[in-house]
N, C-alpha and C. Protein backbone atom coordinates (compact mmCIF):
# COMPACT_ATOMS: atom_id res chain seq x y z
N MET A 1 93.41 -57.42 -36.53
CA MET A 1 94.76 -57.35 -36.02
C MET A 1 95.66 -56.67 -37.04
N LEU A 2 96.60 -55.95 -36.52
CA LEU A 2 97.56 -55.26 -37.38
C LEU A 2 98.70 -56.19 -37.77
N GLU A 3 99.22 -55.95 -38.95
CA GLU A 3 100.44 -56.65 -39.35
C GLU A 3 101.60 -56.04 -38.60
N ASP A 4 102.74 -56.70 -38.64
CA ASP A 4 103.91 -56.26 -37.88
C ASP A 4 104.36 -54.86 -38.29
N ALA A 5 104.44 -54.59 -39.59
CA ALA A 5 104.89 -53.28 -40.07
C ALA A 5 103.92 -52.18 -39.65
N GLU A 6 102.63 -52.47 -39.70
CA GLU A 6 101.63 -51.48 -39.29
C GLU A 6 101.73 -51.17 -37.81
N ARG A 7 101.86 -52.22 -37.00
CA ARG A 7 101.95 -52.04 -35.55
C ARG A 7 103.20 -51.23 -35.19
N LYS A 8 104.31 -51.55 -35.83
CA LYS A 8 105.56 -50.84 -35.53
C LYS A 8 105.48 -49.37 -35.94
N LEU A 9 104.92 -49.10 -37.12
CA LEU A 9 104.80 -47.71 -37.56
C LEU A 9 103.86 -46.92 -36.66
N LEU A 10 102.78 -47.54 -36.24
CA LEU A 10 101.85 -46.87 -35.33
C LEU A 10 102.54 -46.51 -34.02
N ARG A 11 103.33 -47.41 -33.48
CA ARG A 11 104.06 -47.13 -32.24
C ARG A 11 105.12 -46.05 -32.46
N VAL A 12 105.79 -46.08 -33.63
CA VAL A 12 106.79 -45.05 -33.93
C VAL A 12 106.11 -43.68 -33.97
N LEU A 13 104.99 -43.58 -34.65
CA LEU A 13 104.27 -42.30 -34.73
C LEU A 13 103.83 -41.83 -33.36
N PHE A 14 103.29 -42.74 -32.57
CA PHE A 14 102.82 -42.37 -31.23
C PHE A 14 103.98 -41.90 -30.35
N ASN A 15 105.06 -42.68 -30.33
CA ASN A 15 106.19 -42.32 -29.48
C ASN A 15 106.88 -41.04 -29.95
N PHE A 16 106.98 -40.84 -31.26
CA PHE A 16 107.57 -39.61 -31.78
C PHE A 16 106.73 -38.41 -31.36
N PHE A 17 105.41 -38.55 -31.46
CA PHE A 17 104.54 -37.44 -31.09
C PHE A 17 104.64 -37.13 -29.59
N VAL A 18 104.67 -38.15 -28.77
CA VAL A 18 104.77 -37.93 -27.32
C VAL A 18 106.08 -37.24 -26.97
N LYS A 19 107.15 -37.63 -27.61
CA LYS A 19 108.46 -37.06 -27.30
C LYS A 19 108.64 -35.66 -27.86
N ASN A 20 108.18 -35.42 -29.10
CA ASN A 20 108.47 -34.16 -29.80
C ASN A 20 107.27 -33.23 -29.95
N ARG A 21 106.08 -33.71 -29.57
CA ARG A 21 104.85 -32.91 -29.67
C ARG A 21 104.54 -32.48 -31.09
N ARG A 22 104.97 -33.28 -32.05
CA ARG A 22 104.66 -33.07 -33.46
C ARG A 22 104.87 -34.40 -34.18
N MET A 23 104.36 -34.48 -35.40
CA MET A 23 104.56 -35.68 -36.21
C MET A 23 105.83 -35.53 -37.04
N PRO A 24 106.47 -36.65 -37.39
CA PRO A 24 107.71 -36.58 -38.16
C PRO A 24 107.47 -36.22 -39.62
N VAL A 25 108.51 -35.72 -40.26
CA VAL A 25 108.49 -35.49 -41.71
C VAL A 25 109.09 -36.73 -42.37
N TRP A 26 109.05 -36.80 -43.71
CA TRP A 26 109.53 -38.00 -44.42
C TRP A 26 110.95 -38.38 -44.04
N GLN A 27 111.84 -37.42 -44.01
CA GLN A 27 113.24 -37.71 -43.73
C GLN A 27 113.41 -38.35 -42.35
N GLU A 28 112.74 -37.82 -41.36
CA GLU A 28 112.82 -38.38 -40.01
C GLU A 28 112.20 -39.78 -39.96
N LEU A 29 111.06 -39.95 -40.61
CA LEU A 29 110.36 -41.22 -40.57
C LEU A 29 111.15 -42.32 -41.27
N THR A 30 111.77 -42.02 -42.40
CA THR A 30 112.58 -43.02 -43.08
C THR A 30 113.84 -43.34 -42.28
N ALA A 31 114.40 -42.36 -41.60
CA ALA A 31 115.59 -42.61 -40.78
C ALA A 31 115.26 -43.48 -39.57
N ILE A 32 114.12 -43.23 -38.95
CA ILE A 32 113.73 -43.98 -37.75
C ILE A 32 113.36 -45.42 -38.09
N THR A 33 112.58 -45.61 -39.16
CA THR A 33 112.07 -46.94 -39.48
C THR A 33 113.00 -47.75 -40.38
N GLY A 34 113.82 -47.08 -41.18
CA GLY A 34 114.67 -47.79 -42.13
C GLY A 34 113.90 -48.26 -43.35
N LYS A 35 112.68 -47.78 -43.54
CA LYS A 35 111.83 -48.17 -44.67
C LYS A 35 111.86 -47.10 -45.75
N HIS A 36 111.56 -47.52 -46.97
CA HIS A 36 111.46 -46.57 -48.08
C HIS A 36 110.13 -45.83 -48.01
N ARG A 37 110.10 -44.69 -48.66
CA ARG A 37 108.91 -43.85 -48.62
C ARG A 37 107.68 -44.58 -49.16
N ALA A 38 107.83 -45.35 -50.23
CA ALA A 38 106.70 -46.08 -50.82
C ALA A 38 106.12 -47.09 -49.83
N ASP A 39 106.99 -47.77 -49.10
CA ASP A 39 106.52 -48.73 -48.09
C ASP A 39 105.77 -48.01 -46.97
N LEU A 40 106.29 -46.87 -46.56
CA LEU A 40 105.65 -46.10 -45.50
C LEU A 40 104.28 -45.58 -45.95
N ILE A 41 104.18 -45.15 -47.20
CA ILE A 41 102.89 -44.67 -47.71
C ILE A 41 101.88 -45.80 -47.70
N ARG A 42 102.29 -46.98 -48.16
CA ARG A 42 101.41 -48.13 -48.17
C ARG A 42 100.93 -48.48 -46.76
N THR A 43 101.84 -48.43 -45.80
CA THR A 43 101.49 -48.75 -44.42
C THR A 43 100.58 -47.69 -43.81
N LEU A 44 100.85 -46.43 -44.09
CA LEU A 44 100.01 -45.35 -43.58
C LEU A 44 98.59 -45.44 -44.14
N LEU A 45 98.48 -45.77 -45.43
CA LEU A 45 97.15 -45.92 -46.03
C LEU A 45 96.39 -47.09 -45.41
N SER A 46 97.10 -48.16 -45.09
CA SER A 46 96.48 -49.29 -44.44
C SER A 46 96.00 -48.91 -43.03
N LEU A 47 96.81 -48.15 -42.30
CA LEU A 47 96.41 -47.69 -40.97
C LEU A 47 95.19 -46.77 -41.05
N GLU A 48 95.13 -45.98 -42.11
CA GLU A 48 93.98 -45.10 -42.28
C GLU A 48 92.72 -45.90 -42.61
N ARG A 49 92.85 -46.92 -43.45
CA ARG A 49 91.70 -47.77 -43.78
C ARG A 49 91.14 -48.46 -42.54
N GLN A 50 92.02 -48.81 -41.62
CA GLN A 50 91.59 -49.49 -40.39
C GLN A 50 91.23 -48.51 -39.28
N GLN A 51 91.26 -47.23 -39.58
CA GLN A 51 90.85 -46.14 -38.70
C GLN A 51 91.70 -46.03 -37.45
N TYR A 52 93.01 -46.18 -37.61
CA TYR A 52 93.95 -45.88 -36.53
C TYR A 52 94.48 -44.45 -36.65
N ILE A 53 94.48 -43.93 -37.88
CA ILE A 53 94.96 -42.57 -38.13
C ILE A 53 94.01 -41.88 -39.12
N VAL A 54 94.16 -40.56 -39.21
CA VAL A 54 93.51 -39.77 -40.26
C VAL A 54 94.64 -39.04 -40.97
N TRP A 55 94.68 -39.18 -42.29
CA TRP A 55 95.77 -38.58 -43.07
C TRP A 55 95.14 -37.82 -44.23
N THR A 56 94.83 -36.56 -44.01
CA THR A 56 94.08 -35.78 -45.00
C THR A 56 94.97 -35.27 -46.13
N ARG A 57 96.07 -34.62 -45.81
CA ARG A 57 96.99 -34.12 -46.85
C ARG A 57 98.13 -35.11 -46.98
N ARG A 58 98.09 -35.90 -48.01
CA ARG A 58 98.99 -37.05 -48.12
C ARG A 58 100.38 -36.73 -48.62
N GLU A 59 100.74 -35.48 -48.78
CA GLU A 59 102.10 -35.18 -49.23
C GLU A 59 103.14 -35.29 -48.12
N SER A 60 102.70 -35.33 -46.87
CA SER A 60 103.64 -35.40 -45.76
C SER A 60 103.04 -36.17 -44.58
N PRO A 61 103.84 -36.98 -43.89
CA PRO A 61 103.32 -37.64 -42.69
C PRO A 61 103.15 -36.66 -41.53
N HIS A 62 103.64 -35.44 -41.73
CA HIS A 62 103.51 -34.40 -40.71
C HIS A 62 102.04 -34.07 -40.43
N THR A 63 101.16 -34.40 -41.38
CA THR A 63 99.74 -34.08 -41.24
C THR A 63 98.91 -35.24 -40.67
N VAL A 64 99.55 -36.31 -40.27
CA VAL A 64 98.83 -37.47 -39.71
C VAL A 64 98.25 -37.11 -38.34
N LEU A 65 97.01 -37.51 -38.14
CA LEU A 65 96.36 -37.37 -36.82
C LEU A 65 96.14 -38.77 -36.27
N LEU A 66 96.61 -39.03 -35.08
CA LEU A 66 96.43 -40.34 -34.45
C LEU A 66 95.05 -40.44 -33.82
N ILE A 67 94.37 -41.53 -34.10
CA ILE A 67 93.11 -41.82 -33.44
C ILE A 67 93.39 -42.75 -32.26
N GLU A 68 94.17 -43.79 -32.53
CA GLU A 68 94.61 -44.72 -31.48
C GLU A 68 96.10 -44.96 -31.64
N GLY A 69 96.82 -44.97 -30.54
CA GLY A 69 98.26 -45.13 -30.59
C GLY A 69 98.74 -46.54 -30.36
N TRP A 70 97.83 -47.49 -30.25
CA TRP A 70 98.21 -48.88 -30.03
C TRP A 70 97.15 -49.76 -30.66
N GLU A 71 97.48 -51.03 -30.81
CA GLU A 71 96.58 -51.97 -31.46
C GLU A 71 95.38 -52.26 -30.58
N ARG A 72 94.22 -52.38 -31.21
CA ARG A 72 93.01 -52.73 -30.48
C ARG A 72 93.06 -54.20 -30.07
N ARG A 73 92.56 -54.49 -28.92
CA ARG A 73 92.51 -55.88 -28.45
C ARG A 73 91.17 -56.47 -28.82
N GLU A 74 91.23 -57.72 -29.21
CA GLU A 74 90.00 -58.45 -29.48
C GLU A 74 89.36 -58.83 -28.15
N ARG A 75 88.07 -58.84 -28.11
CA ARG A 75 87.39 -59.23 -26.87
C ARG A 75 87.56 -60.72 -26.66
N LEU A 76 88.11 -61.09 -25.54
CA LEU A 76 88.37 -62.49 -25.23
C LEU A 76 87.15 -63.12 -24.57
N PRO A 77 86.84 -64.37 -24.94
CA PRO A 77 85.69 -65.03 -24.29
C PRO A 77 86.01 -65.36 -22.84
N ALA A 78 85.00 -65.34 -22.02
CA ALA A 78 85.17 -65.68 -20.60
C ALA A 78 85.45 -67.18 -20.48
N ARG A 79 86.43 -67.53 -19.69
CA ARG A 79 86.79 -68.94 -19.52
C ARG A 79 85.82 -69.65 -18.58
N HIS A 80 85.58 -69.03 -17.49
CA HIS A 80 84.74 -69.65 -16.47
C HIS A 80 83.57 -68.73 -16.15
N ARG A 81 82.42 -69.32 -16.18
CA ARG A 81 81.25 -68.55 -15.80
C ARG A 81 80.72 -69.10 -14.47
N ILE A 82 80.55 -68.22 -13.54
CA ILE A 82 80.02 -68.62 -12.24
C ILE A 82 78.51 -68.44 -12.29
N THR A 83 77.80 -69.55 -12.10
CA THR A 83 76.34 -69.48 -12.19
C THR A 83 75.70 -69.17 -10.85
N SER A 84 76.30 -69.62 -9.77
CA SER A 84 75.72 -69.32 -8.47
C SER A 84 76.76 -68.54 -7.64
N GLY A 85 76.31 -67.91 -6.61
CA GLY A 85 77.19 -67.08 -5.80
C GLY A 85 78.25 -67.85 -5.05
N SER A 86 78.03 -69.13 -4.75
CA SER A 86 78.98 -69.89 -3.95
C SER A 86 79.93 -70.74 -4.79
N ALA A 87 79.80 -70.74 -6.11
CA ALA A 87 80.63 -71.60 -6.95
C ALA A 87 82.11 -71.19 -6.91
N GLY A 88 82.40 -69.92 -6.74
CA GLY A 88 83.78 -69.47 -6.72
C GLY A 88 84.45 -69.63 -5.38
N ILE A 89 83.72 -69.95 -4.34
CA ILE A 89 84.25 -70.05 -3.00
C ILE A 89 85.05 -71.34 -2.78
N SER A 90 84.84 -72.34 -3.64
CA SER A 90 85.52 -73.62 -3.45
C SER A 90 87.04 -73.47 -3.58
N TYR A 91 87.50 -72.54 -4.36
CA TYR A 91 88.94 -72.33 -4.47
C TYR A 91 89.53 -71.97 -3.11
N TRP A 92 88.87 -71.13 -2.38
CA TRP A 92 89.39 -70.65 -1.10
C TRP A 92 89.18 -71.66 0.03
N THR A 93 88.20 -72.51 -0.09
CA THR A 93 87.91 -73.45 1.00
C THR A 93 88.55 -74.82 0.81
N GLN A 94 88.86 -75.21 -0.42
CA GLN A 94 89.41 -76.54 -0.67
C GLN A 94 90.93 -76.57 -0.78
N TYR A 95 91.59 -75.45 -0.97
CA TYR A 95 93.04 -75.47 -1.19
C TYR A 95 93.79 -74.80 -0.08
């Protein structure tokens, strides 16, 4: 799971790219997020470690490539398992 800052930055990058068809530069990114450049670098590196982005030339966020634009969901366990074909029919016949 992503931390709050990581999730927000990922959504900012995704939405900025969808709207402008390019990635933001430092000035735009700091203005949008209200974060300092050092904090943004730390968050971008964390997103890269978790394979949400690829950031090859680290001098600018303009070179970020998005792999996924939203947080991955954990696979949820099934609550109810139907073992026979008629087990689910009781809901419709009893209520």
